[in-house]
């Protein structure tokens, strides 16, 4: 658990290494097919932020 953050959903990694972003989160963040995900880690290797970038 990361201090100050709340768990809002959980996803499972497939055998192929893929992770599904739950529909409610995709809708909240306006994530669409083709968007790129940027992952950030802290010193303890906790995922802090996932940022989605639109392709141009």
C-alpha atoms as a PDB file:
ATOM      1  CA  UNK A   1       0.000   0.000   0.000  1.00  0.00           C
ATOM      2  CA  UNK A   2       1.235   3.469  -0.844  1.00  0.00           C
ATOM      3  CA  UNK A   3       0.589   6.169   1.764  1.00  0.00           C
ATOM      4  CA  UNK A   4      -2.087   8.630   0.743  1.00  0.00           C
ATOM      5  CA  UNK A   5      -3.426   6.515  -2.147  1.00  0.00           C
ATOM      6  CA  UNK A   6      -6.649   4.549  -2.287  1.00  0.00           C
ATOM      7  CA  UNK A   7      -7.198   1.260  -4.143  1.00  0.00           C
ATOM      8  CA  UNK A   8     -10.039   1.823  -6.615  1.00  0.00           C
ATOM      9  CA  UNK A   9      -9.790  -1.343  -8.694  1.00  0.00           C
ATOM     10  CA  UNK A  10      -7.627  -4.442  -9.210  1.00  0.00           C
ATOM     11  CA  UNK A  11      -6.520  -6.077 -12.485  1.00  0.00           C
ATOM     12  CA  UNK A  12      -4.805  -9.376 -13.213  1.00  0.00           C
ATOM     13  CA  UNK A  13      -1.769  -9.765 -15.491  1.00  0.00           C
ATOM     14  CA  UNK A  14      -2.276 -12.380 -18.233  1.00  0.00           C
ATOM     15  CA  UNK A  15       0.247 -15.083 -19.118  1.00  0.00           C
ATOM     16  CA  UNK A  16       1.279 -12.851 -22.041  1.00  0.00           C
ATOM     17  CA  UNK A  17       2.096  -9.969 -19.667  1.00  0.00           C
ATOM     18  CA  UNK A  18      -0.959  -7.882 -20.579  1.00  0.00           C
ATOM     19  CA  UNK A  19      -2.943  -5.889 -18.047  1.00  0.00           C
ATOM     20  CA  UNK A  20      -6.539  -4.864 -18.647  1.00  0.00           C
ATOM     21  CA  UNK A  21      -7.523  -1.380 -17.521  1.00  0.00           C
ATOM     22  CA  UNK A  22     -10.998  -1.702 -15.994  1.00  0.00           C
ATOM     23  CA  UNK A  23     -13.806  -0.020 -17.950  1.00  0.00           C
ATOM     24  CA  UNK A  24     -14.726   2.408 -15.161  1.00  0.00           C
ATOM     25  CA  UNK A  25     -11.129   3.669 -14.995  1.00  0.00           C
ATOM     26  CA  UNK A  26     -10.851   3.922 -18.821  1.00  0.00           C
ATOM     27  CA  UNK A  27     -14.004   6.041 -18.815  1.00  0.00           C
ATOM     28  CA  UNK A  28     -12.866   8.297 -15.943  1.00  0.00           C
ATOM     29  CA  UNK A  29      -9.476   8.894 -17.614  1.00  0.00           C
ATOM     30  CA  UNK A  30     -10.835   8.967 -21.177  1.00  0.00           C
ATOM     31  CA  UNK A  31      -8.420   6.208 -22.232  1.00  0.00           C
ATOM     32  CA  UNK A  32      -8.908   5.039 -25.803  1.00  0.00           C
ATOM     33  CA  UNK A  33      -7.420   2.347 -28.023  1.00  0.00           C
ATOM     34  CA  UNK A  34      -3.942   3.378 -29.182  1.00  0.00           C
ATOM     35  CA  UNK A  35      -3.184   5.606 -26.187  1.00  0.00           C
ATOM     36  CA  UNK A  36       0.242   5.054 -24.633  1.00  0.00           C
ATOM     37  CA  UNK A  37       0.636   4.316 -20.919  1.00  0.00           C
ATOM     38  CA  UNK A  38       3.559   5.831 -18.995  1.00  0.00           C
ATOM     39  CA  UNK A  39       4.469   4.074 -15.730  1.00  0.00           C
ATOM     40  CA  UNK A  40       6.343   5.681 -12.825  1.00  0.00           C
ATOM     41  CA  UNK A  41       7.973   3.811  -9.918  1.00  0.00           C
ATOM     42  CA  UNK A  42       9.161   5.035  -6.538  1.00  0.00           C
ATOM     43  CA  UNK A  43      12.344   3.846  -4.808  1.00  0.00           C
ATOM     44  CA  UNK A  44      10.527   0.821  -3.354  1.00  0.00           C
ATOM     45  CA  UNK A  45       9.301  -0.178  -6.847  1.00  0.00           C
ATOM     46  CA  UNK A  46       5.691   0.784  -6.117  1.00  0.00           C
ATOM     47  CA  UNK A  47       3.710   1.942  -9.135  1.00  0.00           C
ATOM     48  CA  UNK A  48       2.786   5.532  -8.380  1.00  0.00           C
ATOM     49  CA  UNK A  49       1.131   6.952 -11.479  1.00  0.00           C
ATOM     50  CA  UNK A  50      -0.062   5.724 -14.822  1.00  0.00           C
ATOM     51  CA  UNK A  51      -0.326   8.563 -17.315  1.00  0.00           C
ATOM     52  CA  UNK A  52      -2.037   8.124 -20.672  1.00  0.00           C
ATOM     53  CA  UNK A  53      -0.790   9.981 -23.748  1.00  0.00           C
ATOM     54  CA  UNK A  54      -2.788  10.407 -26.919  1.00  0.00           C
ATOM     55  CA  UNK A  55      -1.018   9.432 -30.137  1.00  0.00           C
ATOM     56  CA  UNK A  56      -0.703  12.199 -32.681  1.00  0.00           C
END
